[in-house]
Amino acid sequence: MTPQPTLADGVVWLTPFRREDGAAIGDFNLDDDHRRWFDQPPVDPDPAARRRHGEEVVDRWQRGWTTQEELTFAVRLAPDGDAIGMAELRPEPEGRAGISYSIVPAHRRRGYATRAVQLLSDAGLAELGFRGIELRCDVENVASARTAERAGFTFERIDPDAGLFEHVEGWGDGPRGERVYRRLRTRSTG
């Protein structure tokens, strides 16, 4: 197992999460959009409980890198800066991976998500050995669809019954459609 690298383009840095990122991770779910698109349960009103939860998530993500089950990075604006989001690859069969990401509201609409997704998918295809990376988002998540396109992903299809939501009010009565985007290894990506 190789140590988790830092990926950077001079604007965003993808680094391992640190325990001190626990408060930021715990607070991700304060954002209604994050809770909706990631189907998160209601937020604990206690900041200390959210921090502890965030620290547990950091521990899980660090174990996930060790086992290669979740390859999760903090998105930062400097190598030692605060975590403003996350980006992860989830290995799947046949050399594929799924990618997901989130940026906190104060830093959205500045291109950081696109940069993080492009950096991570570039590394996934060129350095981590994946043949293809799939990005899925709810059919109503237009911002994620645009991020996928700007990061070099190609729209493939709508998967009409893929999204299952437990915690989003009004969405628990059946599956929802997901947009499916894909990026494949090419000569330039490895």
C-alpha atoms as a PDB file:
ATOM      1  CA  MET A   1       0.000   0.000   0.000  1.00  0.00           C
ATOM      2  CA  THR A   2       1.363   3.387  -0.961  1.00  0.00           C
ATOM      3  CA  PRO A   3       0.984   6.445   1.240  1.00  0.00           C
ATOM      4  CA  GLN A   4      -1.832   8.769   0.257  1.00  0.00           C
ATOM      5  CA  PRO A   5      -0.444  11.417  -2.097  1.00  0.00           C
ATOM      6  CA  THR A   6      -1.176  15.113  -2.239  1.00  0.00           C
ATOM      7  CA  LEU A   7      -2.571  16.233  -5.589  1.00  0.00           C
ATOM      8  CA  ALA A   8      -2.427  19.897  -6.567  1.00  0.00           C
ATOM      9  CA  ASP A   9      -2.855  22.260  -9.489  1.00  0.00           C
ATOM     10  CA  GLY A  10      -1.701  25.442  -7.745  1.00  0.00           C
ATOM     11  CA  VAL A  11      -5.273  26.504  -6.908  1.00  0.00           C
ATOM     12  CA  VAL A  12      -6.645  23.483  -5.038  1.00  0.00           C
ATOM     13  CA  TRP A  13      -4.844  20.800  -3.070  1.00  0.00           C
ATOM     14  CA  LEU A  14      -6.242  17.330  -2.468  1.00  0.00           C
ATOM     15  CA  THR A  15      -4.656  16.022   0.724  1.00  0.00           C
ATOM     16  CA  PRO A  16      -5.356  13.348   3.298  1.00  0.00           C
ATOM     17  CA  PHE A  17      -7.909  14.383   5.905  1.00  0.00           C
ATOM     18  CA  ARG A  18      -6.546  15.103   9.384  1.00  0.00           C
ATOM     19  CA  ARG A  19      -8.289  14.599  12.734  1.00  0.00           C
ATOM     20  CA  GLU A  20      -8.414  18.369  13.163  1.00  0.00           C
ATOM     21  CA  ASP A  21     -10.698  18.475  10.095  1.00  0.00           C
ATOM     22  CA  GLY A  22     -13.387  16.771  12.199  1.00  0.00           C
ATOM     23  CA  ALA A  23     -15.303  19.978  12.961  1.00  0.00           C
ATOM     24  CA  ALA A  24     -15.419  20.956   9.268  1.00  0.00           C
ATOM     25  CA  ILE A  25     -16.599  17.488   8.247  1.00  0.00           C
ATOM     26  CA  GLY A  26     -19.229  17.451  10.979  1.00  0.00           C
ATOM     27  CA  ASP A  27     -20.483  20.815   9.742  1.00  0.00           C
ATOM     28  CA  PHE A  28     -20.776  19.691   6.079  1.00  0.00           C
ATOM     29  CA  ASN A  29     -24.266  18.418   6.902  1.00  0.00           C
ATOM     30  CA  LEU A  30     -25.401  21.856   8.054  1.00  0.00           C
ATOM     31  CA  ASP A  31     -25.756  22.610   4.348  1.00  0.00           C
ATOM     32  CA  ASP A  32     -29.185  21.640   2.996  1.00  0.00           C
ATOM     33  CA  ASP A  33     -27.824  20.913  -0.495  1.00  0.00           C
ATOM     34  CA  HIS A  34     -25.112  18.596   0.863  1.00  0.00           C
ATOM     35  CA  ARG A  35     -27.669  16.754   3.011  1.00  0.00           C
ATOM     36  CA  ARG A  36     -30.065  16.382   0.088  1.00  0.00           C
ATOM     37  CA  TRP A  37     -27.598  15.204  -2.593  1.00  0.00           C
ATOM     38  CA  PHE A  38     -25.768  12.865  -0.173  1.00  0.00           C
ATOM     39  CA  ASP A  39     -29.014  11.709   1.530  1.00  0.00           C
ATOM     40  CA  GLN A  40     -27.775  12.550   5.018  1.00  0.00           C
ATOM     41  CA  PRO A  41     -29.880  12.250   8.186  1.00  0.00           C
ATOM     42  CA  PRO A  42     -30.857  15.309  10.229  1.00  0.00           C
ATOM     43  CA  VAL A  43     -27.966  17.268  11.728  1.00  0.00           C
ATOM     44  CA  ASP A  44     -27.047  16.932  15.385  1.00  0.00           C
ATOM     45  CA  PRO A  45     -27.547  20.389  16.942  1.00  0.00           C
ATOM     46  CA  ASP A  46     -24.561  19.875  19.282  1.00  0.00           C
ATOM     47  CA  PRO A  47     -21.287  21.201  17.737  1.00  0.00           C
ATOM     48  CA  ALA A  48     -19.198  18.837  19.899  1.00  0.00           C
ATOM     49  CA  ALA A  49     -21.212  15.848  18.641  1.00  0.00           C
ATOM     50  CA  ARG A  50     -20.767  17.018  15.026  1.00  0.00           C
ATOM     51  CA  ARG A  51     -16.993  17.344  15.604  1.00  0.00           C
ATOM     52  CA  ARG A  52     -16.834  13.823  17.090  1.00  0.00           C
ATOM     53  CA  HIS A  53     -18.814  12.498  14.145  1.00  0.00           C
ATOM     54  CA  GLY A  54     -16.416  14.279  11.776  1.00  0.00           C
ATOM     55  CA  GLU A  55     -13.424  12.734  13.548  1.00  0.00           C
ATOM     56  CA  GLU A  56     -15.004   9.282  13.181  1.00  0.00           C
ATOM     57  CA  VAL A  57     -15.456   9.964   9.473  1.00  0.00           C
ATOM     58  CA  VAL A  58     -11.767  10.967   9.198  1.00  0.00           C
ATOM     59  CA  ASP A  59     -10.807   7.688  10.876  1.00  0.00           C
ATOM     60  CA  ARG A  60     -13.035   5.742   8.455  1.00  0.00           C
ATOM     61  CA  TRP A  61     -11.568   7.545   5.429  1.00  0.00           C
ATOM     62  CA  GLN A  62      -8.012   6.896   6.649  1.00  0.00           C
ATOM     63  CA  ARG A  63      -8.845   3.180   7.055  1.00  0.00           C
ATOM     64  CA  GLY A  64     -10.479   3.281   3.624  1.00  0.00           C
ATOM     65  CA  TRP A  65      -7.214   4.438   2.049  1.00  0.00           C
ATOM     66  CA  THR A  66      -5.342   1.635   3.826  1.00  0.00           C
ATOM     67  CA  THR A  67      -7.811  -0.992   2.569  1.00  0.00           C
ATOM     68  CA  GLN A  68      -8.213   0.764  -0.812  1.00  0.00           C
ATOM     69  CA  GLU A  69     -12.015   0.751  -0.362  1.00  0.00           C
ATOM     70  CA  GLU A  70     -12.415   4.549  -0.236  1.00  0.00           C
ATOM     71  CA  LEU A  71      -9.811   6.939  -1.628  1.00  0.00           C
ATOM     72  CA  THR A  72     -10.958  10.160   0.004  1.00  0.00           C
ATOM     73  CA  PHE A  73      -9.206  13.522  -0.062  1.00  0.00           C
ATOM     74  CA  ALA A  74      -9.755  16.863   1.635  1.00  0.00           C
ATOM     75  CA  VAL A  75     -10.108  19.758  -0.795  1.00  0.00           C
ATOM     76  CA  ARG A  76      -8.019  22.734   0.378  1.00  0.00           C
ATOM     77  CA  LEU A  77      -6.936  26.092  -1.021  1.00  0.00           C
ATOM     78  CA  ALA A  78      -3.407  25.656   0.370  1.00  0.00           C
ATOM     79  CA  PRO A  79      -1.458  22.527   1.344  1.00  0.00           C
ATOM     80  CA  ASP A  80      -2.054  23.205   5.040  1.00  0.00           C
ATOM     81  CA  GLY A  81      -5.308  25.164   4.668  1.00  0.00           C
ATOM     82  CA  ASP A  82      -8.746  24.383   6.010  1.00  0.00           C
ATOM     83  CA  ALA A  83     -10.808  21.652   4.371  1.00  0.00           C
ATOM     84  CA  ILE A  84     -13.366  23.322   2.096  1.00  0.00           C
ATOM     85  CA  GLY A  85     -14.690  20.044   0.752  1.00  0.00           C
ATOM     86  CA  MET A  86     -14.009  16.432  -0.099  1.00  0.00           C
ATOM     87  CA  ALA A  87     -13.430  14.328  -3.188  1.00  0.00           C
ATOM     88  CA  GLU A  88     -13.277  10.551  -3.301  1.00  0.00           C
ATOM     89  CA  LEU A  89     -12.861   7.594  -5.578  1.00  0.00           C
ATOM     90  CA  ARG A  90     -14.620   4.339  -4.710  1.00  0.00           C
ATOM     91  CA  PRO A  91     -12.999   1.369  -6.466  1.00  0.00           C
ATOM     92  CA  GLU A  92     -15.439  -0.848  -8.362  1.00  0.00           C
ATOM     93  CA  PRO A  93     -15.016  -4.096 -10.321  1.00  0.00           C
ATOM     94  CA  GLU A  94     -13.178  -4.312 -13.633  1.00  0.00           C
ATOM     95  CA  GLY A  95     -10.791  -1.416 -13.021  1.00  0.00           C
ATOM     96  CA  ARG A  96     -13.500   1.209 -12.623  1.00  0.00           C
ATOM     97  CA  ALA A  97     -14.187   3.740  -9.869  1.00  0.00           C
ATOM     98  CA  GLY A  98     -17.035   5.986  -8.831  1.00  0.00           C
ATOM     99  CA  ILE A  99     -16.252   9.587  -7.937  1.00  0.00           C
ATOM    100  CA  SER A 100     -18.076  11.905  -5.567  1.00  0.00           C
ATOM    101  CA  TYR A 101     -17.291  15.312  -4.139  1.00  0.00           C
ATOM    102  CA  SER A 102     -18.685  18.193  -2.128  1.00  0.00           C
ATOM    103  CA  ILE A 103     -17.633  21.795  -1.534  1.00  0.00           C
ATOM    104  CA  VAL A 104     -18.894  23.914   1.363  1.00  0.00           C
ATOM    105  CA  PRO A 105     -21.346  26.679   0.348  1.00  0.00           C
ATOM    106  CA  ALA A 106     -18.952  29.593   1.004  1.00  0.00           C
ATOM    107  CA  HIS A 107     -16.577  28.231  -1.671  1.00  0.00           C
ATOM    108  CA  ARG A 108     -19.041  27.093  -4.349  1.00  0.00           C
ATOM    109  CA  ARG A 109     -19.363  28.560  -7.832  1.00  0.00           C
ATOM    110  CA  ARG A 110     -15.632  29.379  -8.013  1.00  0.00           C
ATOM    111  CA  GLY A 111     -14.519  26.330  -9.984  1.00  0.00           C
ATOM    112  CA  TYR A 112     -13.002  24.468  -7.010  1.00  0.00           C
ATOM    113  CA  ALA A 113     -15.261  21.429  -7.453  1.00  0.00           C
ATOM    114  CA  THR A 114     -14.352  21.168 -11.133  1.00  0.00           C
ATOM    115  CA  ARG A 115     -10.649  21.416 -10.319  1.00  0.00           C
ATOM    116  CA  ALA A 116     -10.928  18.793  -7.556  1.00  0.00           C
ATOM    117  CA  VAL A 117     -12.864  16.362  -9.765  1.00  0.00           C
ATOM    118  CA  GLN A 118     -10.449  16.869 -12.658  1.00  0.00           C
ATOM    119  CA  LEU A 119      -7.356  16.433 -10.429  1.00  0.00           C
ATOM    120  CA  LEU A 120      -8.702  13.308  -8.786  1.00  0.00           C
ATOM    121  CA  SER A 121      -9.964  11.720 -11.996  1.00  0.00           C
ATOM    122  CA  ASP A 122      -6.648  12.513 -13.743  1.00  0.00           C
ATOM    123  CA  ALA A 123      -4.762  10.803 -10.897  1.00  0.00           C
ATOM    124  CA  GLY A 124      -7.226   7.921 -10.818  1.00  0.00           C
ATOM    125  CA  LEU A 125      -6.729   7.228 -14.513  1.00  0.00           C
ATOM    126  CA  ALA A 126      -2.990   7.953 -14.786  1.00  0.00           C
ATOM    127  CA  GLU A 127      -1.515   7.009 -11.408  1.00  0.00           C
ATOM    128  CA  LEU A 128      -3.994   4.843  -9.517  1.00  0.00           C
ATOM    129  CA  GLY A 129      -4.644   2.491 -12.410  1.00  0.00           C
ATOM    130  CA  PHE A 130      -8.368   2.902 -13.052  1.00  0.00           C
ATOM    131  CA  ARG A 131      -9.567   2.352 -16.621  1.00  0.00           C
ATOM    132  CA  GLY A 132     -12.710   4.411 -16.196  1.00  0.00           C
ATOM    133  CA  ILE A 133     -14.363   6.700 -13.661  1.00  0.00           C
ATOM    134  CA  GLU A 134     -18.093   7.208 -13.330  1.00  0.00           C
ATOM    135  CA  LEU A 135     -19.797  10.265 -11.851  1.00  0.00           C
ATOM    136  CA  ARG A 136     -23.470   9.957 -10.948  1.00  0.00           C
ATOM    137  CA  CYS A 137     -25.773  12.737  -9.803  1.00  0.00           C
ATOM    138  CA  ASP A 138     -29.488  13.155  -9.290  1.00  0.00           C
ATOM    139  CA  VAL A 139     -31.330  14.331 -12.404  1.00  0.00           C
ATOM    140  CA  GLU A 140     -32.170  17.577 -10.603  1.00  0.00           C
ATOM    141  CA  ASN A 141     -28.574  18.266  -9.525  1.00  0.00           C
ATOM    142  CA  VAL A 142     -27.719  20.593 -12.400  1.00  0.00           C
ATOM    143  CA  ALA A 143     -24.623  22.005 -10.641  1.00  0.00           C
ATOM    144  CA  SER A 144     -23.035  18.544 -10.409  1.00  0.00           C
ATOM    145  CA  ALA A 145     -23.914  17.828 -14.022  1.00  0.00           C
ATOM    146  CA  ARG A 146     -22.094  21.009 -15.085  1.00  0.00           C
ATOM    147  CA  THR A 147     -19.110  20.131 -12.881  1.00  0.00           C
ATOM    148  CA  ALA A 148     -18.884  16.708 -14.534  1.00  0.00           C
ATOM    149  CA  GLU A 149     -18.913  18.245 -18.002  1.00  0.00           C
ATOM    150  CA  ARG A 150     -16.335  20.935 -17.145  1.00  0.00           C
ATOM    151  CA  ALA A 151     -14.071  18.260 -15.587  1.00  0.00           C
ATOM    152  CA  GLY A 152     -13.962  16.292 -18.841  1.00  0.00           C
ATOM    153  CA  PHE A 153     -16.655  13.681 -18.207  1.00  0.00           C
ATOM    154  CA  THR A 154     -18.987  12.614 -21.003  1.00  0.00           C
ATOM    155  CA  PHE A 155     -22.714  12.240 -20.439  1.00  0.00           C
ATOM    156  CA  GLU A 156     -23.786   8.642 -21.086  1.00  0.00           C
ATOM    157  CA  ARG A 157     -27.367   8.212 -19.998  1.00  0.00           C
ATOM    158  CA  ILE A 158     -30.096   8.709 -17.441  1.00  0.00           C
ATOM    159  CA  ASP A 159     -30.411   5.707 -15.133  1.00  0.00           C
ATOM    160  CA  PRO A 160     -34.121   6.072 -14.273  1.00  0.00           C
ATOM    161  CA  ASP A 161     -34.307   3.978 -11.095  1.00  0.00           C
ATOM    162  CA  ALA A 162     -30.841   4.306  -9.566  1.00  0.00           C
ATOM    163  CA  GLY A 163     -31.202   6.872  -6.797  1.00  0.00           C
ATOM    164  CA  LEU A 164     -32.656   5.751  -3.489  1.00  0.00           C
ATOM    165  CA  PHE A 165     -33.142   8.328  -0.767  1.00  0.00           C
ATOM    166  CA  GLU A 166     -34.143   7.690   2.839  1.00  0.00           C
ATOM    167  CA  HIS A 167     -33.654  11.081   4.463  1.00  0.00           C
ATOM    168  CA  VAL A 168     -34.875  13.588   1.874  1.00  0.00           C
ATOM    169  CA  GLU A 169     -38.450  14.584   2.535  1.00  0.00           C
ATOM    170  CA  GLY A 170     -40.699  13.620  -0.365  1.00  0.00           C
ATOM    171  CA  TRP A 171     -38.050  11.479  -2.093  1.00  0.00           C
ATOM    172  CA  GLY A 172     -38.419   8.268  -0.101  1.00  0.00           C
ATOM    173  CA  ASP A 173     -41.381   6.895  -2.037  1.00  0.00           C
ATOM    174  CA  GLY A 174     -39.322   5.257  -4.792  1.00  0.00           C
ATOM    175  CA  PRO A 175     -36.163   5.416  -6.847  1.00  0.00           C
ATOM    176  CA  ARG A 176     -35.100   8.594  -8.621  1.00  0.00           C
ATOM    177  CA  GLY A 177     -33.236   9.069 -11.850  1.00  0.00           C
ATOM    178  CA  GLU A 178     -29.511   9.697 -11.970  1.00  0.00           C
ATOM    179  CA  ARG A 179     -27.404  11.283 -14.679  1.00  0.00           C
ATOM    180  CA  VAL A 180     -24.436   9.049 -15.494  1.00  0.00           C
ATOM    181  CA  TYR A 181     -21.154  10.556 -16.719  1.00  0.00           C
ATOM    182  CA  ARG A 182     -17.974   8.668 -17.556  1.00  0.00           C
ATOM    183  CA  ARG A 183     -14.346   9.453 -18.126  1.00  0.00           C
ATOM    184  CA  LEU A 184     -12.072   6.818 -19.649  1.00  0.00           C
ATOM    185  CA  ARG A 185      -8.319   6.410 -19.687  1.00  0.00           C
ATOM    186  CA  THR A 186      -6.758   7.857 -22.815  1.00  0.00           C
ATOM    187  CA  ARG A 187      -3.181   8.219 -24.000  1.00  0.00           C
ATOM    188  CA  SER A 188      -2.962  11.614 -22.277  1.00  0.00           C
ATOM    189  CA  THR A 189      -4.283  10.299 -18.921  1.00  0.00           C
ATOM    190  CA  GLY A 190      -2.214   7.141 -18.828  1.00  0.00           C
END
